Amino acid sequence: MWKALLFVLALMPVLLYAQEDPSVACSKAVTEDPAYSSIAGHLPLYTMLNISFEMLADDKKPNQTQRKAIAAWASAHKACLQAGESYRASHYAPQLTAIVTEADNQFMVVAADLYNERYTFGEANKQIQKTSDDFRRKLAIFVEQANVQRAAEQQQVRADELRVQEAQAAQRRQDAANQQALAIANQQARDLQAAQEAQLDLARRQAAAQIIMNNMNANRPAPLVPYLIPQRPITTTNCMRNGEQVSCTSQ
């Protein structure tokens, strides 16, 4: 749309939109047609911006030949507009199309009044100049509003991009934290597994050592115990006389 606005500022009565607009080539060809040479120096057929002082001061009304040329040009002009309607509808904002259409309609009204000899060429050009000034004023308002909207859209885009970047950065930080936590957990698992394996290895070693000790003890001969000759116990006998009787006690 912004490219088109630059071309809109150089409008002919049809108010050119862009080089791709079919109306542009059509209108340029119409303007260069020798059939309209009788009015080419009296009216701004190609662009409303090219109104000379001589055109504004022209106090003559169109003659019969010029009236026919004006009518033929208006018909060709309408056909050129129709050739680009679908292009403009699909490429430009409705507000811009409405401004252009309004200005062109006003130009056609002036052309009709000139054809009917209500205006001199100079008076018609003054009306066309007013139409051009009004168009440019409305266009400036439209461009300003469009610039404000575009700035807001760009700001929104930047805000969205910033949010995306922040979200991506947060995700990267979270991923890094997750990876670090996973690495720590994996290291702890490896350390625990290593400790368990070391403990099992120690238990196996201790069990193997115990088996060896048991085998050694099983194969060792029993110790010799010295034989002691049994001895009779020593007893002591005490005897006592009681009258004619004697009693003895052995210990």
Protein backbone atom coordinates (compact mmCIF):
# COMPACT_ATOMS: atom_id res chain seq x y z
CA MET A 1 0.00 0.00 0.00
CA TRP A 2 2.83 2.44 0.76
CA LYS A 3 4.29 2.04 -2.69
CA ALA A 4 0.87 2.82 -4.12
CA LEU A 5 0.54 6.03 -2.12
CA LEU A 6 3.61 7.43 -3.83
CA PHE A 7 1.96 6.93 -7.20
CA VAL A 8 -1.34 8.29 -5.92
CA LEU A 9 0.37 11.62 -5.39
CA ALA A 10 1.02 11.80 -9.13
CA LEU A 11 -2.54 11.08 -10.17
CA MET A 12 -4.19 11.84 -13.43
CA PRO A 13 -7.95 12.38 -13.36
CA VAL A 14 -8.29 8.66 -12.76
CA LEU A 15 -5.77 9.08 -9.94
CA LEU A 16 -3.06 6.54 -10.63
CA TYR A 17 -2.48 3.88 -7.97
CA ALA A 18 0.64 1.97 -8.96
CA GLN A 19 2.54 0.90 -12.03
CA GLU A 20 0.98 -2.57 -11.76
CA ASP A 21 -2.53 -1.13 -11.85
CA PRO A 22 -4.01 -1.81 -15.33
CA SER A 23 -5.62 1.65 -15.22
CA VAL A 24 -2.21 3.31 -15.38
CA ALA A 25 -1.07 2.03 -18.75
CA CYS A 26 -4.58 2.43 -20.14
CA SER A 27 -4.88 6.07 -19.06
CA LYS A 28 -1.41 6.95 -20.31
CA ALA A 29 -2.28 5.54 -23.71
CA VAL A 30 -5.54 7.52 -23.75
CA THR A 31 -3.73 10.72 -22.85
CA GLU A 32 -1.24 10.26 -25.70
CA ASP A 33 -3.98 9.52 -28.23
CA PRO A 34 -4.02 12.23 -30.94
CA ALA A 35 -7.82 12.15 -30.79
CA TYR A 36 -7.62 14.29 -27.63
CA SER A 37 -4.98 16.72 -28.85
CA SER A 38 -7.57 19.52 -29.06
CA ILE A 39 -8.03 19.50 -25.26
CA ALA A 40 -4.61 18.22 -24.14
CA GLY A 41 -3.25 21.74 -23.60
CA HIS A 42 -6.40 22.99 -21.89
CA LEU A 43 -7.04 20.27 -19.27
CA PRO A 44 -4.78 18.16 -16.98
CA LEU A 45 -5.69 14.88 -18.65
CA TYR A 46 -2.85 12.86 -17.12
CA THR A 47 -2.45 14.34 -13.65
CA MET A 48 -4.35 16.93 -11.65
CA LEU A 49 -1.02 18.19 -10.29
CA ASN A 50 -0.04 19.61 -13.69
CA ILE A 51 -2.33 22.60 -13.93
CA SER A 52 -0.41 25.50 -15.39
CA PHE A 53 -1.05 29.20 -14.96
CA GLU A 54 -2.19 29.38 -18.58
CA MET A 55 -4.80 26.67 -17.90
CA LEU A 56 -6.16 28.63 -14.93
CA ALA A 57 -6.28 31.85 -16.98
CA ASP A 58 -7.94 30.25 -20.02
CA ASP A 59 -11.25 32.13 -20.45
CA LYS A 60 -12.43 30.21 -23.50
CA LYS A 61 -15.22 27.69 -23.52
CA PRO A 62 -14.83 24.47 -25.48
CA ASN A 63 -15.83 24.54 -29.13
CA GLN A 64 -17.71 21.74 -30.82
CA THR A 65 -14.58 19.74 -31.63
CA GLN A 66 -13.32 20.10 -28.07
CA ARG A 67 -16.72 19.13 -26.63
CA LYS A 68 -16.64 15.91 -28.65
CA ALA A 69 -13.09 15.25 -27.46
CA ILE A 70 -14.16 15.83 -23.84
CA ALA A 71 -17.03 13.36 -24.18
CA ALA A 72 -14.83 10.75 -25.86
CA TRP A 73 -12.12 11.19 -23.26
CA ALA A 74 -14.62 10.78 -20.39
CA SER A 75 -15.83 7.51 -21.91
CA ALA A 76 -12.28 6.21 -22.39
CA HIS A 77 -11.38 7.37 -18.91
CA LYS A 78 -14.26 5.38 -17.40
CA ALA A 79 -13.17 2.25 -19.29
CA CYS A 80 -9.63 2.62 -17.94
CA LEU A 81 -10.96 2.91 -14.40
CA GLN A 82 -13.01 -0.26 -14.79
CA ALA A 83 -9.95 -2.12 -16.10
CA GLY A 84 -8.20 -1.69 -12.76
CA GLU A 85 -11.11 -2.08 -10.33
CA SER A 86 -10.38 -5.68 -9.35
CA TYR A 87 -6.66 -4.93 -8.93
CA ARG A 88 -7.32 -1.98 -6.62
CA ALA A 89 -9.93 -3.90 -4.64
CA SER A 90 -7.40 -6.63 -3.86
CA HIS A 91 -4.34 -4.41 -3.26
CA TYR A 92 -5.48 -1.25 -1.47
CA ALA A 93 -7.37 -0.30 1.63
CA PRO A 94 -11.08 0.48 1.13
CA GLN A 95 -10.55 3.97 2.62
CA LEU A 96 -7.97 4.81 -0.04
CA THR A 97 -10.16 3.49 -2.83
CA ALA A 98 -13.06 5.60 -1.53
CA ILE A 99 -10.93 8.78 -1.48
CA VAL A 100 -9.71 8.14 -5.02
CA THR A 101 -13.19 7.37 -6.33
CA GLU A 102 -14.64 10.51 -4.75
CA ALA A 103 -11.97 12.73 -6.30
CA ASP A 104 -12.42 11.13 -9.69
CA ASN A 105 -16.19 11.56 -9.54
CA GLN A 106 -15.76 15.24 -8.77
CA PHE A 107 -13.40 15.56 -11.73
CA MET A 108 -15.99 13.96 -13.99
CA VAL A 109 -18.65 16.38 -12.74
CA VAL A 110 -16.39 19.29 -13.69
CA ALA A 111 -15.73 17.70 -17.09
CA ALA A 112 -19.48 17.34 -17.64
CA ASP A 113 -20.12 20.98 -16.72
CA LEU A 114 -17.31 22.02 -19.05
CA TYR A 115 -18.86 19.91 -21.81
CA ASN A 116 -22.18 21.69 -21.21
CA GLU A 117 -20.38 25.03 -21.42
CA ARG A 118 -21.17 25.98 -17.82
CA TYR A 119 -17.45 26.64 -17.30
CA THR A 120 -14.64 28.11 -19.25
CA PHE A 121 -11.49 26.01 -19.36
CA GLY A 122 -9.98 28.28 -16.66
CA GLU A 123 -13.00 27.92 -14.38
CA ALA A 124 -13.02 24.16 -14.88
CA ASN A 125 -9.32 23.98 -14.02
CA LYS A 126 -9.90 25.97 -10.84
CA GLN A 127 -12.57 23.46 -9.81
CA ILE A 128 -10.21 20.62 -10.67
CA GLN A 129 -7.50 22.26 -8.58
CA LYS A 130 -9.88 22.48 -5.62
CA THR A 131 -10.68 18.81 -6.08
CA SER A 132 -6.96 18.05 -6.19
CA ASP A 133 -6.30 20.04 -3.00
CA ASP A 134 -9.19 18.35 -1.21
CA PHE A 135 -7.94 14.97 -2.35
CA ARG A 136 -4.42 15.61 -1.13
CA ARG A 137 -5.76 16.84 2.22
CA LYS A 138 -7.82 13.67 2.68
CA LEU A 139 -4.92 11.58 1.45
CA ALA A 140 -2.59 13.20 4.00
CA ILE A 141 -5.06 12.38 6.78
CA PHE A 142 -5.31 8.82 5.53
CA VAL A 143 -1.51 8.47 5.33
CA GLU A 144 -1.10 9.89 8.84
CA GLN A 145 -3.69 7.46 10.22
CA ALA A 146 -2.10 4.63 8.31
CA ASN A 147 1.33 5.59 9.67
CA VAL A 148 -0.02 5.63 13.21
CA GLN A 149 -1.60 2.23 12.64
CA ARG A 150 1.57 0.88 11.06
CA ALA A 151 3.66 2.20 13.98
CA ALA A 152 1.28 0.53 16.42
CA GLU A 153 1.45 -2.71 14.44
CA GLN A 154 5.25 -2.55 14.32
CA GLN A 155 5.34 -1.87 18.06
CA GLN A 156 3.06 -4.83 18.61
CA VAL A 157 5.27 -6.97 16.40
CA ARG A 158 8.34 -5.90 18.37
CA ALA A 159 6.54 -6.61 21.64
CA ASP A 160 5.50 -10.03 20.35
CA GLU A 161 9.05 -10.73 19.18
CA LEU A 162 10.39 -9.63 22.59
CA ARG A 163 7.94 -11.92 24.36
CA VAL A 164 8.96 -14.78 22.10
CA GLN A 165 12.65 -14.06 22.74
CA GLU A 166 12.06 -13.88 26.49
CA ALA A 167 10.07 -17.11 26.39
CA GLN A 168 12.83 -18.78 24.37
CA ALA A 169 15.47 -17.49 26.79
CA ALA A 170 13.44 -18.74 29.75
CA GLN A 171 13.03 -22.09 28.03
CA ARG A 172 16.78 -22.26 27.39
CA ARG A 173 17.46 -21.48 31.06
CA GLN A 174 14.94 -24.10 32.12
CA ASP A 175 16.46 -26.63 29.73
CA ALA A 176 19.93 -25.86 31.08
CA ALA A 177 18.68 -26.24 34.66
CA ASN A 178 16.97 -29.50 33.76
CA GLN A 179 20.13 -30.78 32.09
CA GLN A 180 22.21 -29.76 35.10
CA ALA A 181 19.76 -31.44 37.50
CA LEU A 182 19.75 -34.54 35.29
CA ALA A 183 23.56 -34.58 35.22
CA ILE A 184 23.67 -34.30 39.02
CA ALA A 185 21.08 -37.06 39.40
CA ASN A 186 23.00 -39.27 36.98
CA GLN A 187 26.26 -38.62 38.84
CA GLN A 188 24.60 -39.40 42.17
CA ALA A 189 23.20 -42.61 40.70
CA ARG A 190 26.64 -43.57 39.40
CA ASP A 191 28.20 -42.76 42.79
CA LEU A 192 25.55 -44.85 44.59
CA GLN A 193 26.03 -47.71 42.17
CA ALA A 194 29.79 -47.53 42.63
CA ALA A 195 29.38 -47.54 46.45
CA GLN A 196 27.02 -50.49 46.27
CA GLU A 197 29.39 -52.37 43.99
CA ALA A 198 32.30 -51.59 46.32
CA GLN A 199 30.27 -52.81 49.29
CA LEU A 200 29.31 -55.98 47.45
CA ASP A 201 32.92 -56.51 46.43
CA LEU A 202 34.05 -56.10 50.05
CA ALA A 203 31.38 -58.56 51.16
CA ARG A 204 32.53 -61.03 48.53
CA ARG A 205 36.12 -60.62 49.62
CA GLN A 206 35.21 -61.11 53.26
CA ALA A 207 33.13 -64.19 52.41
CA ALA A 208 36.01 -65.60 50.36
CA ALA A 209 38.45 -64.95 53.20
CA GLN A 210 36.12 -66.65 55.67
CA ILE A 211 35.83 -69.67 53.39
CA ILE A 212 39.61 -69.90 53.18
CA MET A 213 39.93 -69.63 56.95
CA ASN A 214 37.30 -72.30 57.45
CA ASN A 215 39.08 -74.62 55.02
CA MET A 216 42.37 -74.03 56.76
CA ASN A 217 40.84 -74.79 60.14
CA ALA A 218 39.17 -77.94 58.81
CA ASN A 219 42.46 -79.31 57.46
CA ARG A 220 44.54 -78.47 60.58
CA PRO A 221 45.32 -81.57 62.83
CA ALA A 222 43.83 -81.65 66.33
CA PRO A 223 46.27 -80.53 69.04
CA LEU A 224 47.98 -83.22 71.22
CA VAL A 225 46.72 -83.46 74.80
CA PRO A 226 49.28 -84.97 77.33
CA TYR A 227 48.18 -88.15 79.17
CA LEU A 228 48.11 -87.85 82.96
CA ILE A 229 48.41 -91.00 85.11
CA PRO A 230 45.50 -91.12 87.50
CA GLN A 231 46.52 -90.90 91.17
CA ARG A 232 44.72 -92.34 94.09
CA PRO A 233 43.38 -89.72 96.39
CA ILE A 234 45.10 -89.41 99.77
CA THR A 235 42.76 -90.14 102.66
CA THR A 236 43.16 -89.46 106.35
CA THR A 237 41.59 -91.71 108.97
CA ASN A 238 40.85 -90.46 112.47
CA CYS A 239 39.87 -92.92 115.20
CA MET A 240 38.32 -92.17 118.55
CA ARG A 241 37.76 -94.39 121.63
CA ASN A 242 34.49 -94.18 123.33
CA GLY A 243 34.65 -96.47 126.32
CA GLU A 244 35.32 -99.90 125.07
CA GLN A 245 34.36 -98.97 121.49
CA VAL A 246 36.63 -97.43 118.87
CA SER A 247 35.17 -95.51 115.82
CA CYS A 248 37.21 -94.33 112.83
CA THR A 249 36.42 -91.67 110.12
CA SER A 250 38.32 -91.44 106.84
CA GLN A 251 38.66 -88.21 104.87
